[in-house]
Amino acid sequence: MVTLRRPPEIEFRPLPARPMHYIRLAADVADAAAAVQFMTQRLAPLEPNSVVRVSAAEGVPDDVAAALAAPRLRALAPATMHLELRIDSAQQRPPRWRRGR
């Protein structure tokens, strides 16, 4: 058994946290070009080391979802920005079960 004669010296050093942002794309976006412009405007003012969660409302057209695929969206953001994507096209969504029948 080890007996400590004095308590260990502990120094607290706060670490910088990365800012986190949420961007939600509305279902009424007109087309792929409008969606890219929307994302460019939303990403531009954010800090380059931010963590950004991007999601889309249900009903986003397939061409809009394709325009915001991971490689294209990452090209709009700085390399130091972490993007988490949740953009499903209508074809990728599983059908919902009906209740009560």
PDB file of N, CA and C in Angstrom:
ATOM      1  N   MET A   1       0.843  -1.170   0.000  1.00  0.00           N
ATOM      2  CA  MET A   1       0.000   0.000   0.000  1.00  0.00           C
ATOM      3  C   MET A   1       0.891   1.237   0.000  1.00  0.00           C
ATOM      4  N   VAL A   2       0.501   2.219  -0.856  1.00  0.00           N
ATOM      5  CA  VAL A   2       1.267   3.452  -0.975  1.00  0.00           C
ATOM      6  C   VAL A   2       0.587   4.525  -0.133  1.00  0.00           C
ATOM      7  N   THR A   3       1.367   5.200   0.657  1.00  0.00           N
ATOM      8  CA  THR A   3       0.850   6.290   1.472  1.00  0.00           C
ATOM      9  C   THR A   3       1.414   7.594   0.940  1.00  0.00           C
ATOM     10  N   LEU A   4       0.522   8.521   0.624  1.00  0.00           N
ATOM     11  CA  LEU A   4       0.960   9.826   0.131  1.00  0.00           C
ATOM     12  C   LEU A   4       1.174  10.760   1.309  1.00  0.00           C
ATOM     13  N   ARG A   5       2.297  11.414   1.307  1.00  0.00           N
ATOM     14  CA  ARG A   5       2.587  12.350   2.391  1.00  0.00           C
ATOM     15  C   ARG A   5       1.903  13.693   2.158  1.00  0.00           C
ATOM     16  N   ARG A   6       1.718  14.053   0.916  1.00  0.00           N
ATOM     17  CA  ARG A   6       1.009  15.295   0.608  1.00  0.00           C
ATOM     18  C   ARG A   6       0.139  15.034  -0.629  1.00  0.00           C
ATOM     19  N   PRO A   7      -0.924  15.779  -0.777  1.00  0.00           N
ATOM     20  CA  PRO A   7      -1.792  15.545  -1.938  1.00  0.00           C
ATOM     21  C   PRO A   7      -1.077  15.919  -3.235  1.00  0.00           C
ATOM     22  N   PRO A   8      -1.399  15.257  -4.315  1.00  0.00           N
ATOM     23  CA  PRO A   8      -0.742  15.577  -5.585  1.00  0.00           C
ATOM     24  C   PRO A   8      -1.162  16.970  -6.060  1.00  0.00           C
ATOM     25  N   GLU A   9      -0.252  17.617  -6.734  1.00  0.00           N
ATOM     26  CA  GLU A   9      -0.565  18.931  -7.273  1.00  0.00           C
ATOM     27  C   GLU A   9      -1.300  18.742  -8.599  1.00  0.00           C
ATOM     28  N   ILE A  10      -2.468  19.340  -8.664  1.00  0.00           N
ATOM     29  CA  ILE A  10      -3.297  19.236  -9.865  1.00  0.00           C
ATOM     30  C   ILE A  10      -3.542  20.646 -10.388  1.00  0.00           C
ATOM     31  N   GLU A  11      -3.299  20.813 -11.653  1.00  0.00           N
ATOM     32  CA  GLU A  11      -3.527  22.105 -12.274  1.00  0.00           C
ATOM     33  C   GLU A  11      -4.605  21.939 -13.342  1.00  0.00           C
ATOM     34  N   PHE A  12      -5.640  22.727 -13.249  1.00  0.00           N
ATOM     35  CA  PHE A  12      -6.711  22.679 -14.239  1.00  0.00           C
ATOM     36  C   PHE A  12      -6.362  23.599 -15.396  1.00  0.00           C
ATOM     37  N   ARG A  13      -6.400  23.059 -16.604  1.00  0.00           N
ATOM     38  CA  ARG A  13      -6.132  23.843 -17.803  1.00  0.00           C
ATOM     39  C   ARG A  13      -7.336  23.728 -18.733  1.00  0.00           C
ATOM     40  N   PRO A  14      -8.099  24.793 -18.848  1.00  0.00           N
ATOM     41  CA  PRO A  14      -9.255  24.722 -19.751  1.00  0.00           C
ATOM     42  C   PRO A  14      -8.801  24.584 -21.197  1.00  0.00           C
ATOM     43  N   LEU A  15      -9.463  23.733 -21.908  1.00  0.00           N
ATOM     44  CA  LEU A  15      -9.153  23.527 -23.317  1.00  0.00           C
ATOM     45  C   LEU A  15     -10.175  24.275 -24.170  1.00  0.00           C
ATOM     46  N   PRO A  16      -9.750  24.781 -25.281  1.00  0.00           N
ATOM     47  CA  PRO A  16     -10.704  25.485 -26.133  1.00  0.00           C
ATOM     48  C   PRO A  16     -11.706  24.503 -26.743  1.00  0.00           C
ATOM     49  N   ALA A  17     -12.949  24.892 -26.740  1.00  0.00           N
ATOM     50  CA  ALA A  17     -13.988  24.071 -27.353  1.00  0.00           C
ATOM     51  C   ALA A  17     -14.275  24.606 -28.751  1.00  0.00           C
ATOM     52  N   ARG A  18     -14.572  23.710 -29.648  1.00  0.00           N
ATOM     53  CA  ARG A  18     -14.904  24.134 -30.999  1.00  0.00           C
ATOM     54  C   ARG A  18     -16.347  24.617 -31.028  1.00  0.00           C
ATOM     55  N   PRO A  19     -16.609  25.736 -31.671  1.00  0.00           N
ATOM     56  CA  PRO A  19     -17.986  26.211 -31.747  1.00  0.00           C
ATOM     57  C   PRO A  19     -18.840  25.245 -32.569  1.00  0.00           C
ATOM     58  N   MET A  20     -20.095  25.066 -32.145  1.00  0.00           N
ATOM     59  CA  MET A  20     -20.999  24.149 -32.830  1.00  0.00           C
ATOM     60  C   MET A  20     -22.178  24.923 -33.381  1.00  0.00           C
ATOM     61  N   HIS A  21     -22.534  24.607 -34.624  1.00  0.00           N
ATOM     62  CA  HIS A  21     -23.634  25.283 -35.298  1.00  0.00           C
ATOM     63  C   HIS A  21     -24.530  24.247 -35.967  1.00  0.00           C
ATOM     64  N   TYR A  22     -25.804  24.610 -36.096  1.00  0.00           N
ATOM     65  CA  TYR A  22     -26.785  23.765 -36.766  1.00  0.00           C
ATOM     66  C   TYR A  22     -27.351  24.531 -37.955  1.00  0.00           C
ATOM     67  N   ILE A  23     -27.378  23.891 -39.114  1.00  0.00           N
ATOM     68  CA  ILE A  23     -27.970  24.493 -40.303  1.00  0.00           C
ATOM     69  C   ILE A  23     -29.025  23.523 -40.817  1.00  0.00           C
ATOM     70  N   ARG A  24     -30.242  24.024 -40.979  1.00  0.00           N
ATOM     71  CA  ARG A  24     -31.334  23.189 -41.485  1.00  0.00           C
ATOM     72  C   ARG A  24     -31.813  23.768 -42.807  1.00  0.00           C
ATOM     73  N   LEU A  25     -31.828  22.928 -43.807  1.00  0.00           N
ATOM     74  CA  LEU A  25     -32.270  23.314 -45.131  1.00  0.00           C
ATOM     75  C   LEU A  25     -33.770  23.061 -45.228  1.00  0.00           C
ATOM     76  N   ALA A  26     -34.526  24.074 -45.587  1.00  0.00           N
ATOM     77  CA  ALA A  26     -35.983  23.946 -45.698  1.00  0.00           C
ATOM     78  C   ALA A  26     -36.356  23.122 -46.924  1.00  0.00           C
ATOM     79  N   ALA A  27     -37.534  22.530 -46.879  1.00  0.00           N
ATOM     80  CA  ALA A  27     -37.997  21.690 -47.982  1.00  0.00           C
ATOM     81  C   ALA A  27     -38.398  22.505 -49.197  1.00  0.00           C
ATOM     82  N   ASP A  28     -38.628  23.802 -49.027  1.00  0.00           N
ATOM     83  CA  ASP A  28     -39.103  24.621 -50.149  1.00  0.00           C
ATOM     84  C   ASP A  28     -37.977  25.289 -50.936  1.00  0.00           C
ATOM     85  N   VAL A  29     -36.761  24.795 -50.824  1.00  0.00           N
ATOM     86  CA  VAL A  29     -35.648  25.330 -51.611  1.00  0.00           C
ATOM     87  C   VAL A  29     -35.954  25.072 -53.079  1.00  0.00           C
ATOM     88  N   ALA A  30     -35.811  26.116 -53.905  1.00  0.00           N
ATOM     89  CA  ALA A  30     -36.261  26.048 -55.292  1.00  0.00           C
ATOM     90  C   ALA A  30     -35.517  25.005 -56.127  1.00  0.00           C
ATOM     91  N   ASP A  31     -34.194  25.020 -56.058  1.00  0.00           N
ATOM     92  CA  ASP A  31     -33.419  24.096 -56.880  1.00  0.00           C
ATOM     93  C   ASP A  31     -32.031  23.905 -56.281  1.00  0.00           C
ATOM     94  N   ALA A  32     -31.209  23.123 -56.969  1.00  0.00           N
ATOM     95  CA  ALA A  32     -29.871  22.803 -56.458  1.00  0.00           C
ATOM     96  C   ALA A  32     -28.999  24.052 -56.334  1.00  0.00           C
ATOM     97  N   ALA A  33     -29.078  24.959 -57.302  1.00  0.00           N
ATOM     98  CA  ALA A  33     -28.268  26.177 -57.246  1.00  0.00           C
ATOM     99  C   ALA A  33     -28.646  27.032 -56.043  1.00  0.00           C
ATOM    100  N   ALA A  34     -29.929  27.120 -55.747  1.00  0.00           N
ATOM    101  CA  ALA A  34     -30.384  27.890 -54.578  1.00  0.00           C
ATOM    102  C   ALA A  34     -29.900  27.244 -53.283  1.00  0.00           C
ATOM    103  N   ALA A  35     -29.882  25.916 -53.243  1.00  0.00           N
ATOM    104  CA  ALA A  35     -29.410  25.213 -52.051  1.00  0.00           C
ATOM    105  C   ALA A  35     -27.919  25.446 -51.831  1.00  0.00           C
ATOM    106  N   VAL A  36     -27.137  25.419 -52.895  1.00  0.00           N
ATOM    107  CA  VAL A  36     -25.692  25.673 -52.787  1.00  0.00           C
ATOM    108  C   VAL A  36     -25.455  27.108 -52.334  1.00  0.00           C
ATOM    109  N   GLN A  37     -26.199  28.048 -52.887  1.00  0.00           N
ATOM    110  CA  GLN A  37     -26.061  29.447 -52.484  1.00  0.00           C
ATOM    111  C   GLN A  37     -26.441  29.625 -51.010  1.00  0.00           C
ATOM    112  N   PHE A  38     -27.514  28.974 -50.576  1.00  0.00           N
ATOM    113  CA  PHE A  38     -27.950  29.026 -49.173  1.00  0.00           C
ATOM    114  C   PHE A  38     -26.843  28.521 -48.247  1.00  0.00           C
ATOM    115  N   MET A  39     -26.255  27.375 -48.587  1.00  0.00           N
ATOM    116  CA  MET A  39     -25.213  26.796 -47.741  1.00  0.00           C
ATOM    117  C   MET A  39     -23.946  27.668 -47.754  1.00  0.00           C
ATOM    118  N   THR A  40     -23.603  28.222 -48.892  1.00  0.00           N
ATOM    119  CA  THR A  40     -22.429  29.096 -48.973  1.00  0.00           C
ATOM    120  C   THR A  40     -22.608  30.309 -48.061  1.00  0.00           C
ATOM    121  N   GLN A  41     -23.792  30.892 -48.071  1.00  0.00           N
ATOM    122  CA  GLN A  41     -24.070  32.049 -47.217  1.00  0.00           C
ATOM    123  C   GLN A  41     -24.060  31.685 -45.742  1.00  0.00           C
ATOM    124  N   ARG A  42     -24.531  30.484 -45.393  1.00  0.00           N
ATOM    125  CA  ARG A  42     -24.571  30.076 -43.992  1.00  0.00           C
ATOM    126  C   ARG A  42     -23.200  29.681 -43.457  1.00  0.00           C
ATOM    127  N   LEU A  43     -22.375  29.082 -44.294  1.00  0.00           N
ATOM    128  CA  LEU A  43     -21.055  28.622 -43.851  1.00  0.00           C
ATOM    129  C   LEU A  43     -20.021  29.749 -43.798  1.00  0.00           C
ATOM    130  N   ALA A  44     -20.158  30.750 -44.646  1.00  0.00           N
ATOM    131  CA  ALA A  44     -19.143  31.804 -44.767  1.00  0.00           C
ATOM    132  C   ALA A  44     -18.835  32.525 -43.450  1.00  0.00           C
ATOM    133  N   PRO A  45     -19.827  32.934 -42.651  1.00  0.00           N
ATOM    134  CA  PRO A  45     -19.486  33.692 -41.439  1.00  0.00           C
ATOM    135  C   PRO A  45     -19.019  32.838 -40.257  1.00  0.00           C
ATOM    136  N   LEU A  46     -19.084  31.526 -40.379  1.00  0.00           N
ATOM    137  CA  LEU A  46     -18.727  30.662 -39.257  1.00  0.00           C
ATOM    138  C   LEU A  46     -17.212  30.567 -39.104  1.00  0.00           C
ATOM    139  N   GLU A  47     -16.782  30.315 -37.872  1.00  0.00           N
ATOM    140  CA  GLU A  47     -15.351  30.138 -37.621  1.00  0.00           C
ATOM    141  C   GLU A  47     -14.844  28.908 -38.369  1.00  0.00           C
ATOM    142  N   PRO A  48     -13.644  28.975 -38.921  1.00  0.00           N
ATOM    143  CA  PRO A  48     -13.131  27.863 -39.726  1.00  0.00           C
ATOM    144  C   PRO A  48     -12.992  26.536 -38.982  1.00  0.00           C
ATOM    145  N   ASN A  49     -12.867  26.578 -37.657  1.00  0.00           N
ATOM    146  CA  ASN A  49     -12.716  25.315 -36.911  1.00  0.00           C
ATOM    147  C   ASN A  49     -14.036  24.850 -36.283  1.00  0.00           C
ATOM    148  N   SER A  50     -15.146  25.333 -36.777  1.00  0.00           N
ATOM    149  CA  SER A  50     -16.456  24.981 -36.230  1.00  0.00           C
ATOM    150  C   SER A  50     -16.848  23.540 -36.545  1.00  0.00           C
ATOM    151  N   VAL A  51     -17.750  23.030 -35.728  1.00  0.00           N
ATOM    152  CA  VAL A  51     -18.430  21.769 -35.999  1.00  0.00           C
ATOM    153  C   VAL A  51     -19.829  22.161 -36.455  1.00  0.00           C
ATOM    154  N   VAL A  52     -20.220  21.701 -37.632  1.00  0.00           N
ATOM    155  CA  VAL A  52     -21.493  22.118 -38.218  1.00  0.00           C
ATOM    156  C   VAL A  52     -22.325  20.880 -38.549  1.00  0.00           C
ATOM    157  N   ARG A  53     -23.539  20.855 -38.019  1.00  0.00           N
ATOM    158  CA  ARG A  53     -24.487  19.792 -38.358  1.00  0.00           C
ATOM    159  C   ARG A  53     -25.458  20.330 -39.390  1.00  0.00           C
ATOM    160  N   VAL A  54     -25.496  19.675 -40.524  1.00  0.00           N
ATOM    161  CA  VAL A  54     -26.362  20.092 -41.622  1.00  0.00           C
ATOM    162  C   VAL A  54     -27.444  19.032 -41.788  1.00  0.00           C
ATOM    163  N   SER A  55     -28.695  19.480 -41.753  1.00  0.00           N
ATOM    164  CA  SER A  55     -29.806  18.555 -41.967  1.00  0.00           C
ATOM    165  C   SER A  55     -30.792  19.192 -42.930  1.00  0.00           C
ATOM    166  N   ALA A  56     -31.697  18.396 -43.424  1.00  0.00           N
ATOM    167  CA  ALA A  56     -32.697  18.893 -44.359  1.00  0.00           C
ATOM    168  C   ALA A  56     -34.070  18.426 -43.915  1.00  0.00           C
ATOM    169  N   ALA A  57     -35.043  19.269 -44.154  1.00  0.00           N
ATOM    170  CA  ALA A  57     -36.425  18.900 -43.857  1.00  0.00           C
ATOM    171  C   ALA A  57     -36.862  17.805 -44.817  1.00  0.00           C
ATOM    172  N   GLU A  58     -37.841  17.020 -44.402  1.00  0.00           N
ATOM    173  CA  GLU A  58     -38.379  16.003 -45.307  1.00  0.00           C
ATOM    174  C   GLU A  58     -38.998  16.681 -46.505  1.00  0.00           C
ATOM    175  N   GLY A  59     -38.887  16.051 -47.646  1.00  0.00           N
ATOM    176  CA  GLY A  59     -39.471  16.608 -48.846  1.00  0.00           C
ATOM    177  C   GLY A  59     -38.493  17.390 -49.702  1.00  0.00           C
ATOM    178  N   VAL A  60     -37.218  17.389 -49.327  1.00  0.00           N
ATOM    179  CA  VAL A  60     -36.213  18.063 -50.164  1.00  0.00           C
ATOM    180  C   VAL A  60     -36.098  17.273 -51.466  1.00  0.00           C
ATOM    181  N   PRO A  61     -36.192  17.956 -52.602  1.00  0.00           N
ATOM    182  CA  PRO A  61     -36.100  17.256 -53.886  1.00  0.00           C
ATOM    183  C   PRO A  61     -34.783  16.513 -54.055  1.00  0.00           C
ATOM    184  N   ASP A  62     -34.807  15.468 -54.852  1.00  0.00           N
ATOM    185  CA  ASP A  62     -33.619  14.634 -55.060  1.00  0.00           C
ATOM    186  C   ASP A  62     -32.448  15.416 -55.642  1.00  0.00           C
ATOM    187  N   ASP A  63     -32.711  16.351 -56.555  1.00  0.00           N
ATOM    188  CA  ASP A  63     -31.603  17.109 -57.156  1.00  0.00           C
ATOM    189  C   ASP A  63     -30.936  18.022 -56.133  1.00  0.00           C
ATOM    190  N   VAL A  64     -31.716  18.534 -55.174  1.00  0.00           N
ATOM    191  CA  VAL A  64     -31.149  19.363 -54.111  1.00  0.00           C
ATOM    192  C   VAL A  64     -30.284  18.505 -53.187  1.00  0.00           C
ATOM    193  N   ALA A  65     -30.777  17.335 -52.818  1.00  0.00           N
ATOM    194  CA  ALA A  65     -30.005  16.433 -51.961  1.00  0.00           C
ATOM    195  C   ALA A  65     -28.701  16.026 -52.650  1.00  0.00           C
ATOM    196  N   ALA A  66     -28.764  15.776 -53.948  1.00  0.00           N
ATOM    197  CA  ALA A  66     -27.556  15.396 -54.687  1.00  0.00           C
ATOM    198  C   ALA A  66     -26.563  16.552 -54.746  1.00  0.00           C
ATOM    199  N   ALA A  67     -27.068  17.775 -54.866  1.00  0.00           N
ATOM    200  CA  ALA A  67     -26.188  18.945 -54.929  1.00  0.00           C
ATOM    201  C   ALA A  67     -25.464  19.170 -53.614  1.00  0.00           C
ATOM    202  N   LEU A  68     -26.052  18.701 -52.526  1.00  0.00           N
ATOM    203  CA  LEU A  68     -25.431  18.881 -51.214  1.00  0.00           C
ATOM    204  C   LEU A  68     -24.844  17.580 -50.685  1.00  0.00           C
ATOM    205  N   ALA A  69     -24.406  16.724 -51.578  1.00  0.00           N
ATOM    206  CA  ALA A  69     -23.714  15.504 -51.162  1.00  0.00           C
ATOM    207  C   ALA A  69     -22.409  15.902 -50.472  1.00  0.00           C
ATOM    208  N   ALA A  70     -21.891  15.014 -49.677  1.00  0.00           N
ATOM    209  CA  ALA A  70     -20.723  15.310 -48.836  1.00  0.00           C
ATOM    210  C   ALA A  70     -19.552  15.953 -49.583  1.00  0.00           C
ATOM    211  N   PRO A  71     -19.096  15.423 -50.714  1.00  0.00           N
ATOM    212  CA  PRO A  71     -17.926  16.044 -51.369  1.00  0.00           C
ATOM    213  C   PRO A  71     -18.186  17.495 -51.801  1.00  0.00           C
ATOM    214  N   ARG A  72     -19.366  17.757 -52.315  1.00  0.00           N
ATOM    215  CA  ARG A  72     -19.670  19.118 -52.778  1.00  0.00           C
ATOM    216  C   ARG A  72     -19.822  20.073 -51.602  1.00  0.00           C
ATOM    217  N   LEU A  73     -20.484  19.618 -50.546  1.00  0.00           N
ATOM    218  CA  LEU A  73     -20.673  20.471 -49.380  1.00  0.00           C
ATOM    219  C   LEU A  73     -19.342  20.761 -48.692  1.00  0.00           C
ATOM    220  N   ARG A  74     -18.477  19.756 -48.622  1.00  0.00           N
ATOM    221  CA  ARG A  74     -17.160  19.968 -48.008  1.00  0.00           C
ATOM    222  C   ARG A  74     -16.301  20.924 -48.830  1.00  0.00           C
ATOM    223  N   ALA A  75     -16.548  20.987 -50.123  1.00  0.00           N
ATOM    224  CA  ALA A  75     -15.809  21.931 -50.971  1.00  0.00           C
ATOM    225  C   ALA A  75     -16.217  23.376 -50.673  1.00  0.00           C
ATOM    226  N   LEU A  76     -17.398  23.574 -50.115  1.00  0.00           N
ATOM    227  CA  LEU A  76     -17.868  24.916 -49.773  1.00  0.00           C
ATOM    228  C   LEU A  76     -17.300  25.407 -48.442  1.00  0.00           C
ATOM    229  N   ALA A  77     -16.814  24.485 -47.627  1.00  0.00           N
ATOM    230  CA  ALA A  77     -16.358  24.820 -46.272  1.00  0.00           C
ATOM    231  C   ALA A  77     -14.834  24.754 -46.193  1.00  0.00           C
ATOM    232  N   PRO A  78     -14.248  25.457 -45.203  1.00  0.00           N
ATOM    233  CA  PRO A  78     -12.800  25.332 -45.008  1.00  0.00           C
ATOM    234  C   PRO A  78     -12.427  23.891 -44.627  1.00  0.00           C
ATOM    235  N   ALA A  79     -11.218  23.507 -44.919  1.00  0.00           N
ATOM    236  CA  ALA A  79     -10.759  22.143 -44.624  1.00  0.00           C
ATOM    237  C   ALA A  79     -10.770  21.853 -43.128  1.00  0.00           C
ATOM    238  N   THR A  80     -10.679  22.881 -42.292  1.00  0.00           N
ATOM    239  CA  THR A  80     -10.649  22.697 -40.842  1.00  0.00           C
ATOM    240  C   THR A  80     -12.037  22.562 -40.223  1.00  0.00           C
ATOM    241  N   MET A  81     -13.074  22.802 -41.012  1.00  0.00           N
ATOM    242  CA  MET A  81     -14.444  22.726 -40.504  1.00  0.00           C
ATOM    243  C   MET A  81     -14.926  21.285 -40.561  1.00  0.00           C
ATOM    244  N   HIS A  82     -15.547  20.836 -39.466  1.00  0.00           N
ATOM    245  CA  HIS A  82     -16.091  19.478 -39.413  1.00  0.00           C
ATOM    246  C   HIS A  82     -17.574  19.544 -39.745  1.00  0.00           C
ATOM    247  N   LEU A  83     -17.987  18.795 -40.763  1.00  0.00           N
ATOM    248  CA  LEU A  83     -19.385  18.783 -41.182  1.00  0.00           C
ATOM    249  C   LEU A  83     -20.008  17.434 -40.887  1.00  0.00           C
ATOM    250  N   GLU A  84     -21.173  17.459 -40.274  1.00  0.00           N
ATOM    251  CA  GLU A  84     -21.979  16.256 -40.068  1.00  0.00           C
ATOM    252  C   GLU A  84     -23.217  16.417 -40.925  1.00  0.00           C
ATOM    253  N   LEU A  85     -23.428  15.502 -41.847  1.00  0.00           N
ATOM    254  CA  LEU A  85     -24.492  15.637 -42.827  1.00  0.00           C
ATOM    255  C   LEU A  85     -25.638  14.671 -42.576  1.00  0.00           C
ATOM    256  N   ARG A  86     -26.839  15.178 -42.743  1.00  0.00           N
ATOM    257  CA  ARG A  86     -28.037  14.338 -42.690  1.00  0.00           C
ATOM    258  C   ARG A  86     -29.003  14.869 -43.735  1.00  0.00           C
ATOM    259  N   ILE A  87     -28.679  14.595 -44.995  1.00  0.00           N
ATOM    260  CA  ILE A  87     -29.512  15.057 -46.098  1.00  0.00           C
ATOM    261  C   ILE A  87     -29.881  13.835 -46.922  1.00  0.00           C
ATOM    262  N   ASP A  88     -31.121  13.425 -46.818  1.00  0.00           N
ATOM    263  CA  ASP A  88     -31.608  12.262 -47.555  1.00  0.00           C
ATOM    264  C   ASP A  88     -32.511  12.718 -48.685  1.00  0.00           C
ATOM    265  N   SER A  89     -32.346  12.120 -49.822  1.00  0.00           N
ATOM    266  CA  SER A  89     -33.272  12.411 -50.905  1.00  0.00           C
ATOM    267  C   SER A  89     -34.541  11.590 -50.674  1.00  0.00           C
ATOM    268  N   ALA A  90     -35.573  11.910 -51.391  1.00  0.00           N
ATOM    269  CA  ALA A  90     -36.848  11.198 -51.232  1.00  0.00           C
ATOM    270  C   ALA A  90     -36.693   9.720 -51.569  1.00  0.00           C
ATOM    271  N   GLN A  91     -35.820   9.390 -52.528  1.00  0.00           N
ATOM    272  CA  GLN A  91     -35.638   7.996 -52.922  1.00  0.00           C
ATOM    273  C   GLN A  91     -34.889   7.188 -51.866  1.00  0.00           C
ATOM    274  N   GLN A  92     -34.073   7.844 -51.043  1.00  0.00           N
ATOM    275  CA  GLN A  92     -33.284   7.126 -50.047  1.00  0.00           C
ATOM    276  C   GLN A  92     -34.070   6.861 -48.769  1.00  0.00           C
ATOM    277  N   ARG A  93     -35.156   7.583 -48.556  1.00  0.00           N
ATOM    278  CA  ARG A  93     -35.907   7.421 -47.312  1.00  0.00           C
ATOM    279  C   ARG A  93     -36.706   6.130 -47.327  1.00  0.00           C
ATOM    280  N   PRO A  94     -36.697   5.399 -46.235  1.00  0.00           N
ATOM    281  CA  PRO A  94     -37.515   4.188 -46.179  1.00  0.00           C
ATOM    282  C   PRO A  94     -38.992   4.566 -46.071  1.00  0.00           C
ATOM    283  N   PRO A  95     -39.891   3.724 -46.580  1.00  0.00           N
ATOM    284  CA  PRO A  95     -41.313   4.033 -46.450  1.00  0.00           C
ATOM    285  C   PRO A  95     -41.746   3.958 -44.988  1.00  0.00           C
ATOM    286  N   ARG A  96     -42.693   4.779 -44.616  1.00  0.00           N
ATOM    287  CA  ARG A  96     -43.195   4.764 -43.240  1.00  0.00           C
ATOM    288  C   ARG A  96     -44.365   3.800 -43.140  1.00  0.00           C
ATOM    289  N   TRP A  97     -44.414   3.141 -42.011  1.00  0.00           N
ATOM    290  CA  TRP A  97     -45.505   2.218 -41.772  1.00  0.00           C
ATOM    291  C   TRP A  97     -46.742   2.993 -41.345  1.00  0.00           C
ATOM    292  N   ARG A  98     -47.879   2.567 -41.811  1.00  0.00           N
ATOM    293  CA  ARG A  98     -49.137   3.176 -41.395  1.00  0.00           C
ATOM    294  C   ARG A  98     -49.567   2.559 -40.086  1.00  0.00           C
ATOM    295  N   ARG A  99     -50.094   3.394 -39.228  1.00  0.00           N
ATOM    296  CA  ARG A  99     -50.556   2.910 -37.924  1.00  0.00           C
ATOM    297  C   ARG A  99     -52.073   2.761 -37.913  1.00  0.00           C
ATOM    298  N   GLY A 100     -52.543   1.837 -37.116  1.00  0.00           N
ATOM    299  CA  GLY A 100     -53.958   1.711 -36.834  1.00  0.00           C
ATOM    300  C   GLY A 100     -54.797   1.017 -37.874  1.00  0.00           C
ATOM    301  N   ARG A 101     -54.212   0.312 -38.805  1.00  0.00           N
ATOM    302  CA  ARG A 101     -55.034  -0.410 -39.780  1.00  0.00           C
ATOM    303  C   ARG A 101     -54.926  -1.879 -39.614  1.00  0.00           C
TER     304      ARG A 101
END
